[in-house]
N, C-alpha and C. Protein backbone atom coordinates (compact mmCIF):
# COMPACT_ATOMS: atom_id res chain seq x y z
N MET A 1 -82.91 -132.41 115.01
CA MET A 1 -82.69 -134.58 114.69
C MET A 1 -83.73 -134.53 115.50
N ARG A 2 -84.56 -135.72 115.23
CA ARG A 2 -85.46 -136.27 115.86
C ARG A 2 -84.80 -137.51 117.18
N ARG A 3 -84.66 -137.43 118.07
CA ARG A 3 -84.20 -138.69 119.13
C ARG A 3 -85.21 -139.74 118.78
N THR A 4 -84.27 -141.12 118.95
CA THR A 4 -84.88 -142.16 118.77
C THR A 4 -84.24 -142.68 120.73
N SER A 5 -84.19 -142.19 121.01
CA SER A 5 -83.78 -142.74 122.36
C SER A 5 -83.37 -141.13 123.38
N ILE A 6 -83.20 -141.49 124.41
CA ILE A 6 -82.69 -140.59 125.54
C ILE A 6 -81.82 -141.69 126.92
N GLU A 7 -81.12 -140.62 127.44
CA GLU A 7 -80.51 -141.13 128.70
C GLU A 7 -81.43 -140.17 129.56
N HIS A 8 -81.27 -141.14 130.79
CA HIS A 8 -81.70 -140.48 132.03
C HIS A 8 -81.02 -140.42 133.35
N GLU A 9 -80.90 -138.92 134.22
CA GLU A 9 -80.28 -138.88 135.41
C GLU A 9 -80.95 -138.34 136.50
N PHE A 10 -80.48 -138.96 137.51
CA PHE A 10 -81.19 -138.41 138.03
C PHE A 10 -81.01 -137.66 139.09
N VAL A 11 -81.41 -136.56 139.41
CA VAL A 11 -80.66 -135.35 140.62
C VAL A 11 -81.87 -134.80 141.05
N GLU A 12 -81.19 -134.41 142.14
CA GLU A 12 -82.23 -133.66 143.17
C GLU A 12 -83.08 -132.39 142.58
N TYR A 13 -81.90 -131.46 141.88
CA TYR A 13 -82.39 -130.44 141.09
C TYR A 13 -82.00 -130.40 140.10
N VAL A 14 -83.03 -129.70 138.76
CA VAL A 14 -82.51 -129.77 137.48
C VAL A 14 -82.13 -129.07 136.82
N PRO A 15 -81.10 -129.21 136.21
CA PRO A 15 -79.71 -128.08 135.99
C PRO A 15 -80.95 -127.03 134.91
N SER A 16 -80.06 -125.72 134.93
CA SER A 16 -80.67 -124.59 133.99
C SER A 16 -80.40 -124.94 132.91
N GLU A 17 -79.47 -125.78 132.52
CA GLU A 17 -79.07 -125.71 131.05
C GLU A 17 -78.81 -127.15 130.92
N LEU A 18 -80.43 -127.46 129.96
CA LEU A 18 -80.28 -128.63 129.91
C LEU A 18 -79.35 -129.39 128.56
N ALA A 19 -79.19 -130.47 129.00
CA ALA A 19 -78.55 -131.42 127.67
C ALA A 19 -79.67 -131.94 126.71
N GLU A 20 -78.70 -131.80 125.68
CA GLU A 20 -80.25 -132.71 124.39
C GLU A 20 -80.08 -134.24 124.58
N GLY A 21 -80.67 -135.18 124.90
CA GLY A 21 -81.23 -136.24 125.10
C GLY A 21 -80.69 -136.71 126.36
N ILE A 22 -80.78 -136.16 127.36
CA ILE A 22 -81.00 -136.29 128.74
C ILE A 22 -82.48 -135.79 129.58
N LEU A 23 -82.86 -137.23 130.29
CA LEU A 23 -84.39 -136.90 130.85
C LEU A 23 -83.89 -136.95 132.13
N TYR A 24 -83.69 -135.44 132.63
CA TYR A 24 -83.44 -135.27 133.98
C TYR A 24 -84.65 -135.62 134.86
N VAL A 25 -84.36 -137.19 135.88
CA VAL A 25 -85.47 -136.89 136.60
C VAL A 25 -84.86 -136.71 138.38
N SER A 26 -86.11 -135.55 138.94
CA SER A 26 -86.05 -135.25 140.49
C SER A 26 -87.07 -136.25 140.93
N ILE A 27 -86.97 -137.20 142.08
CA ILE A 27 -87.66 -137.34 142.83
C ILE A 27 -88.30 -136.52 144.08
N PRO A 28 -87.09 -135.91 144.04
CA PRO A 28 -87.93 -135.18 145.38
C PRO A 28 -88.73 -133.93 145.20
N TYR A 29 -88.46 -133.87 143.37
CA TYR A 29 -89.58 -133.19 143.27
C TYR A 29 -90.39 -133.05 142.40
N ALA A 30 -90.69 -134.63 142.28
CA ALA A 30 -91.26 -135.22 141.58
C ALA A 30 -92.00 -134.75 140.48
N THR A 31 -90.88 -134.93 139.46
CA THR A 31 -90.72 -134.40 137.94
C THR A 31 -89.83 -134.38 137.75
N ALA A 32 -90.02 -134.82 136.06
CA ALA A 32 -88.88 -135.21 134.61
C ALA A 32 -88.59 -134.25 133.46
N VAL A 33 -87.88 -133.85 133.49
CA VAL A 33 -87.29 -132.56 132.17
C VAL A 33 -86.23 -132.91 131.24
N HIS A 34 -86.90 -132.37 130.53
CA HIS A 34 -86.07 -132.78 129.35
C HIS A 34 -86.19 -132.30 128.05
N ARG A 35 -85.32 -131.72 127.25
CA ARG A 35 -85.46 -131.11 125.96
C ARG A 35 -86.27 -131.82 125.11
N CYS A 36 -87.60 -131.35 124.43
CA CYS A 36 -87.79 -131.88 123.38
C CYS A 36 -87.11 -132.85 122.50
N ALA A 37 -88.06 -134.21 122.26
CA ALA A 37 -87.06 -135.15 121.46
C ALA A 37 -87.29 -134.92 119.68
N CYS A 38 -88.03 -133.74 119.58
CA CYS A 38 -87.61 -133.74 118.21
C CYS A 38 -86.22 -132.98 117.73
N GLY A 39 -85.79 -132.06 118.85
CA GLY A 39 -84.49 -131.77 118.33
C GLY A 39 -84.91 -129.94 118.49
N CYS A 40 -86.00 -129.07 118.29
CA CYS A 40 -86.40 -128.10 118.91
C CYS A 40 -85.95 -127.27 119.80
N GLY A 41 -85.38 -128.32 120.85
CA GLY A 41 -84.80 -126.68 122.66
C GLY A 41 -85.87 -126.69 123.17
N ASN A 42 -87.30 -126.62 123.00
CA ASN A 42 -87.65 -126.52 124.06
C ASN A 42 -87.87 -127.11 125.02
N LYS A 43 -88.38 -126.65 126.15
CA LYS A 43 -87.91 -127.93 127.78
C LYS A 43 -89.10 -128.57 128.09
N VAL A 44 -89.20 -129.75 128.16
CA VAL A 44 -90.87 -130.33 127.93
C VAL A 44 -90.65 -130.92 129.97
N VAL A 45 -91.70 -130.19 130.05
CA VAL A 45 -91.66 -130.66 131.93
C VAL A 45 -93.37 -131.65 132.37
N THR A 46 -92.47 -132.65 132.93
CA THR A 46 -93.72 -133.81 132.96
C THR A 46 -93.85 -134.05 134.69
N PRO A 47 -94.47 -133.16 135.22
CA PRO A 47 -95.02 -133.57 137.07
C PRO A 47 -95.67 -135.01 137.24
N ILE A 48 -94.76 -135.71 138.10
CA ILE A 48 -94.90 -137.13 138.58
C ILE A 48 -95.73 -137.59 139.21
N THR A 49 -96.90 -137.41 138.82
CA THR A 49 -98.11 -137.95 140.10
C THR A 49 -99.07 -138.69 139.59
N PRO A 50 -99.96 -139.16 140.51
CA PRO A 50 -100.98 -139.80 139.86
C PRO A 50 -102.32 -139.43 138.63
N ALA A 51 -102.11 -138.15 139.02
CA ALA A 51 -103.33 -137.45 138.32
C ALA A 51 -103.14 -136.98 136.89
N ASP A 52 -100.92 -137.14 136.66
CA ASP A 52 -99.99 -136.81 135.81
C ASP A 52 -99.47 -138.08 134.72
N TRP A 53 -98.38 -137.53 134.92
CA TRP A 53 -97.20 -138.82 134.65
C TRP A 53 -97.25 -140.04 135.43
N GLN A 54 -96.87 -140.86 134.97
CA GLN A 54 -96.61 -141.92 135.75
C GLN A 54 -94.70 -142.13 135.01
N LEU A 55 -94.04 -142.63 136.60
CA LEU A 55 -92.34 -143.17 136.41
C LEU A 55 -92.27 -144.39 136.46
N LEU A 56 -91.62 -145.22 135.70
CA LEU A 56 -91.51 -146.60 135.77
C LEU A 56 -89.69 -146.75 135.95
N PHE A 57 -88.88 -147.07 137.11
CA PHE A 57 -87.89 -146.96 136.42
C PHE A 57 -87.46 -148.72 137.19
N ASP A 58 -86.47 -149.67 135.74
CA ASP A 58 -86.80 -151.28 136.07
C ASP A 58 -85.36 -151.39 136.65
N GLY A 59 -84.83 -150.32 137.41
CA GLY A 59 -83.48 -150.68 137.48
C GLY A 59 -82.10 -150.29 137.02
N ASP A 60 -82.88 -150.41 135.31
CA ASP A 60 -81.50 -150.05 134.18
C ASP A 60 -82.28 -148.56 133.10
N THR A 61 -83.33 -148.91 133.24
CA THR A 61 -83.93 -147.90 132.27
C THR A 61 -85.69 -146.94 132.51
N VAL A 62 -85.75 -146.17 131.83
CA VAL A 62 -86.90 -145.11 132.27
C VAL A 62 -87.89 -144.97 131.82
N SER A 63 -89.15 -144.99 132.02
CA SER A 63 -90.41 -144.83 131.21
C SER A 63 -91.48 -144.00 131.88
N LEU A 64 -91.52 -143.17 130.97
CA LEU A 64 -92.70 -142.42 131.04
C LEU A 64 -94.58 -142.78 130.59
N ALA A 65 -95.32 -142.68 131.00
CA ALA A 65 -96.60 -142.24 130.51
C ALA A 65 -97.64 -141.80 131.24
N PRO A 66 -98.11 -140.94 130.85
CA PRO A 66 -98.87 -141.73 129.12
C PRO A 66 -98.04 -140.73 128.25
N SER A 67 -98.21 -140.47 127.09
CA SER A 67 -97.05 -140.29 126.19
C SER A 67 -97.31 -138.44 126.39
N ILE A 68 -96.10 -137.64 125.56
CA ILE A 68 -96.03 -136.61 125.18
C ILE A 68 -96.01 -136.05 124.40
N GLY A 69 -97.41 -135.58 124.35
CA GLY A 69 -97.64 -134.35 123.13
C GLY A 69 -97.14 -132.99 123.52
N ASN A 70 -96.54 -132.05 123.19
CA ASN A 70 -96.03 -131.27 123.00
C ASN A 70 -97.06 -130.10 122.34
N TRP A 71 -98.06 -130.27 122.72
CA TRP A 71 -98.95 -129.20 121.57
C TRP A 71 -99.45 -128.13 121.34
N GLY A 72 -98.13 -127.28 122.74
CA GLY A 72 -98.31 -126.06 122.71
C GLY A 72 -96.68 -125.39 122.09
N PHE A 73 -96.22 -126.47 121.75
CA PHE A 73 -94.96 -126.39 120.63
C PHE A 73 -95.37 -126.05 119.15
N PRO A 74 -94.40 -125.30 118.43
CA PRO A 74 -94.45 -125.32 117.17
C PRO A 74 -94.55 -126.44 116.68
N CYS A 75 -93.16 -127.15 117.36
CA CYS A 75 -93.43 -128.22 116.83
C CYS A 75 -94.40 -129.85 117.09
N ARG A 76 -95.02 -129.12 117.59
CA ARG A 76 -96.00 -130.38 117.63
C ARG A 76 -95.88 -131.73 118.71
N SER A 77 -94.43 -132.14 118.50
CA SER A 77 -94.10 -133.61 118.32
C SER A 77 -95.29 -134.10 119.48
N HIS A 78 -95.00 -135.55 119.51
CA HIS A 78 -95.79 -136.38 120.25
C HIS A 78 -94.84 -138.01 119.98
N TYR A 79 -94.50 -138.45 121.38
CA TYR A 79 -93.87 -139.36 121.57
C TYR A 79 -94.24 -140.31 122.40
N TRP A 80 -93.87 -141.13 123.12
CA TRP A 80 -93.47 -141.98 124.05
C TRP A 80 -91.91 -142.15 124.42
N ILE A 81 -91.75 -142.01 125.55
CA ILE A 81 -90.15 -142.44 126.33
C ILE A 81 -90.61 -144.22 127.05
N LYS A 82 -90.22 -145.23 126.53
CA LYS A 82 -90.44 -146.26 127.27
C LYS A 82 -89.40 -147.10 127.39
N ARG A 83 -88.73 -147.51 128.30
CA ARG A 83 -87.65 -148.10 128.87
C ARG A 83 -86.04 -147.13 127.77
N ASP A 84 -85.87 -146.06 128.42
CA ASP A 84 -84.74 -145.37 127.29
C ASP A 84 -85.06 -144.36 125.61
N VAL A 85 -86.34 -145.17 125.56
CA VAL A 85 -86.44 -145.37 123.75
C VAL A 85 -87.19 -144.22 123.70
N VAL A 86 -87.45 -143.76 122.36
CA VAL A 86 -88.20 -142.71 122.15
C VAL A 86 -89.08 -143.81 120.62
N ARG A 87 -90.45 -143.59 121.35
CA ARG A 87 -91.16 -144.18 119.98
C ARG A 87 -92.05 -142.96 119.91
N TRP A 88 -92.04 -142.62 118.33
CA TRP A 88 -92.80 -141.85 117.94
C TRP A 88 -94.25 -141.93 117.55
N SER A 89 -94.99 -141.30 118.00
CA SER A 89 -96.55 -141.47 117.75
C SER A 89 -97.51 -140.64 117.05
N ASP A 90 -98.42 -140.70 115.98
CA ASP A 90 -98.46 -139.17 115.03
C ASP A 90 -99.08 -139.01 115.96
N ALA A 91 -99.10 -137.37 114.85
CA ALA A 91 -99.48 -136.16 115.38
C ALA A 91 -101.18 -136.12 115.58
N TRP A 92 -101.53 -135.39 116.23
CA TRP A 92 -102.96 -135.15 116.37
C TRP A 92 -103.09 -133.76 116.42
N SER A 93 -104.70 -134.53 115.56
CA SER A 93 -105.89 -133.12 115.25
C SER A 93 -105.78 -131.90 116.17
N ASP A 94 -106.64 -130.13 115.89
CA ASP A 94 -106.73 -129.65 117.02
C ASP A 94 -107.96 -130.31 117.97
N GLU A 95 -108.78 -131.47 116.74
CA GLU A 95 -109.67 -131.67 117.70
C GLU A 95 -109.47 -133.06 118.96
N GLN A 96 -108.05 -133.75 118.10
CA GLN A 96 -107.89 -134.71 118.91
C GLN A 96 -107.04 -133.85 120.07
N VAL A 97 -106.58 -132.68 120.10
CA VAL A 97 -106.22 -132.37 121.43
C VAL A 97 -107.03 -131.56 122.37
N ALA A 98 -107.71 -130.99 122.18
CA ALA A 98 -108.92 -130.56 122.89
C ALA A 98 -109.57 -132.01 123.73
N ALA A 99 -109.90 -132.93 123.01
CA ALA A 99 -110.53 -134.34 123.57
C ALA A 99 -109.36 -134.68 124.63
N GLY A 100 -108.28 -134.75 124.48
CA GLY A 100 -107.32 -135.18 125.12
C GLY A 100 -107.05 -134.35 126.54
N ARG A 101 -106.76 -133.39 126.34
CA ARG A 101 -107.34 -131.90 127.38
C ARG A 101 -108.30 -132.49 128.05
N GLN A 102 -109.36 -132.67 127.63
CA GLN A 102 -111.03 -132.57 128.31
C GLN A 102 -110.83 -133.95 129.02
N ARG A 103 -109.82 -134.94 128.70
CA ARG A 103 -109.89 -136.50 129.39
C ARG A 103 -109.45 -135.88 130.47
N ASP A 104 -107.78 -135.71 130.33
CA ASP A 104 -107.16 -135.52 131.17
C ASP A 104 -108.01 -134.36 132.34
N ASP A 105 -108.43 -133.29 132.28
CA ASP A 105 -109.44 -132.59 133.28
C ASP A 105 -110.05 -133.66 133.73
N ARG A 106 -111.09 -134.17 132.91
CA ARG A 106 -111.81 -135.16 133.78
C ARG A 106 -110.84 -136.28 134.66
N GLY A 107 -109.77 -136.40 134.33
CA GLY A 107 -108.97 -138.06 134.96
C GLY A 107 -108.49 -136.89 136.08
N ARG A 108 -108.35 -135.82 136.06
CA ARG A 108 -107.79 -135.46 136.81
C ARG A 108 -108.91 -135.00 138.37
N GLU A 109 -109.79 -134.46 137.92
CA GLU A 109 -110.69 -134.32 138.92
C GLU A 109 -111.38 -135.86 139.74
N ALA A 110 -111.25 -136.22 138.94
CA ALA A 110 -112.19 -137.71 139.28
C ALA A 110 -110.97 -138.21 140.52
N TYR A 111 -109.82 -138.47 139.96
CA TYR A 111 -108.46 -138.22 141.00
C TYR A 111 -108.61 -138.02 142.15
N PHE A 112 -108.94 -136.30 142.30
CA PHE A 112 -108.61 -135.77 143.88
C PHE A 112 -110.21 -135.59 144.09
N ALA A 113 -111.08 -135.88 143.32
CA ALA A 113 -112.45 -136.26 143.76
C ALA A 113 -112.48 -137.63 144.55
N GLN A 114 -111.44 -139.09 144.18
CA GLN A 114 -111.62 -139.91 145.30
C GLN A 114 -110.81 -139.85 145.83
N ARG A 115 -109.60 -139.19 145.94
CA ARG A 115 -108.44 -138.58 147.10
C ARG A 115 -109.02 -138.11 148.18
N GLU A 116 -110.52 -137.34 148.04
CA GLU A 116 -111.03 -136.73 149.14
C GLU A 116 -111.51 -137.12 149.52
N GLY A 117 -112.37 -138.19 149.03
CA GLY A 117 -113.38 -138.96 149.60
C GLY A 117 -112.95 -140.01 150.37
N THR A 118 -111.99 -140.72 150.01
CA THR A 118 -111.26 -141.15 150.64
C THR A 118 -110.96 -140.81 151.98
N LYS A 119 -110.39 -139.48 152.15
CA LYS A 119 -109.60 -138.37 153.39
C LYS A 119 -111.25 -138.94 154.07
N ALA A 120 -112.19 -138.49 153.77
CA ALA A 120 -113.53 -138.00 154.41
C ALA A 120 -114.13 -139.87 154.91
N GLY A 121 -113.44 -140.97 154.09
CA GLY A 121 -113.69 -141.77 154.58
C GLY A 121 -113.06 -142.44 155.67
N LEU A 122 -111.68 -142.05 155.30
CA LEU A 122 -110.72 -142.71 156.54
C LEU A 122 -111.39 -141.62 157.92
N ALA A 123 -111.54 -140.61 158.07
CA ALA A 123 -111.60 -139.17 158.95
C ALA A 123 -112.97 -139.96 159.43
N ALA A 124 -114.25 -140.15 158.07
CA ALA A 124 -114.86 -141.05 159.59
C ALA A 124 -114.99 -141.86 160.01
N SER A 125 -113.88 -143.21 159.47
CA SER A 125 -113.82 -144.22 160.45
C SER A 125 -112.78 -143.79 161.57
N VAL A 126 -112.05 -142.96 161.73
CA VAL A 126 -111.03 -142.91 162.47
C VAL A 126 -112.10 -142.18 163.59
N SER A 127 -113.23 -141.13 163.29
CA SER A 127 -113.92 -140.11 164.60
C SER A 127 -115.52 -140.82 165.26
N ARG A 128 -115.25 -141.94 164.60
CA ARG A 128 -116.46 -142.40 165.23
C ARG A 128 -115.61 -143.45 166.48
N PRO A 129 -115.32 -144.54 166.19
CA PRO A 129 -114.99 -144.96 167.45
C PRO A 129 -114.62 -143.95 169.06
N VAL A 130 -113.42 -142.55 168.18
CA VAL A 130 -113.14 -141.52 169.08
C VAL A 130 -114.63 -140.91 169.49
N ARG A 131 -115.42 -140.36 169.12
CA ARG A 131 -116.75 -140.10 168.94
C ARG A 131 -117.36 -141.20 170.41
N HIS A 132 -117.23 -142.03 169.65
CA HIS A 132 -117.87 -143.60 170.63
C HIS A 132 -117.57 -143.49 172.22
N ARG A 133 -116.21 -143.67 172.19
CA ARG A 133 -114.99 -143.55 173.44
C ARG A 133 -115.78 -142.23 174.63
N LEU A 134 -115.57 -141.21 173.63
CA LEU A 134 -116.01 -139.67 174.03
C LEU A 134 -117.19 -140.05 174.81
N ASN A 135 -118.22 -140.58 174.43
CA ASN A 135 -119.47 -140.73 174.80
C ASN A 135 -119.25 -141.53 175.59
N ARG A 136 -118.71 -142.92 175.85
CA ARG A 136 -118.82 -143.90 177.03
C ARG A 136 -118.40 -143.34 178.24
N LEU A 137 -116.96 -142.36 178.05
CA LEU A 137 -116.31 -141.64 179.04
C LEU A 137 -117.67 -140.43 179.59
N ARG A 138 -118.36 -139.87 179.09
CA ARG A 138 -118.92 -138.69 179.78
C ARG A 138 -120.12 -139.45 180.14
N ARG A 139 -120.76 -140.46 179.52
CA ARG A 139 -121.44 -141.20 180.44
C ARG A 139 -120.90 -141.55 182.11
N TRP A 140 -119.56 -142.57 181.61
CA TRP A 140 -119.08 -142.64 183.03
C TRP A 140 -118.90 -141.53 184.06
N LEU A 141 -118.71 -140.25 183.53
CA LEU A 141 -118.49 -139.76 184.19
C LEU A 141 -120.07 -139.05 184.78
N GLY A 142 -120.68 -139.32 184.42
CA GLY A 142 -122.21 -138.75 184.51
C GLY A 142 -122.39 -137.03 183.91
N LEU A 143 -121.98 -137.10 182.92
CA LEU A 143 -122.18 -135.52 182.41
C LEU A 143 -123.11 -135.91 181.25
C-alpha cells in the first residue's frame, strides 16, 4: 500500500526490525532509514551529508531532500518526504536514472574537491603566519 504520510523517530541506533511508516533518524550516525513508502518492504537508507541527503527538522516534522529514487528496487518508487508527508513523483526512465546518477556523482566530486580546497586554503593561511614568525625568530637568533 502506497503511503501518503510517514512518522519520524529520532534514535541513536536504527532498529534491526523496521516498522512500516516510520522514518528512523540517527543524528549520531547521520543516517535516516525507513521501509520503502510503496509498501514493498525494502529498507531505504539515506545518508545525511552535504553531498547526499539533507534533513530538515522544524521542531515538529522532518523533510528529506533531494527526492528518494529507489531505482535499484523492483518497485522503482520515487517520492519526496516533506514535513512528514510522502509526495509521490513520476517514475524515471533508465536514461533519466543514469543522468541523475551522473549528476549526483559530479555533485559529490565537486563537494569534496571544494572541501579539500577549503582545507588547503585554511592550511596555507595558518601556516604563512607561523612560517613568518619562525623566520623572524631565526633572524633574531642569528641562525
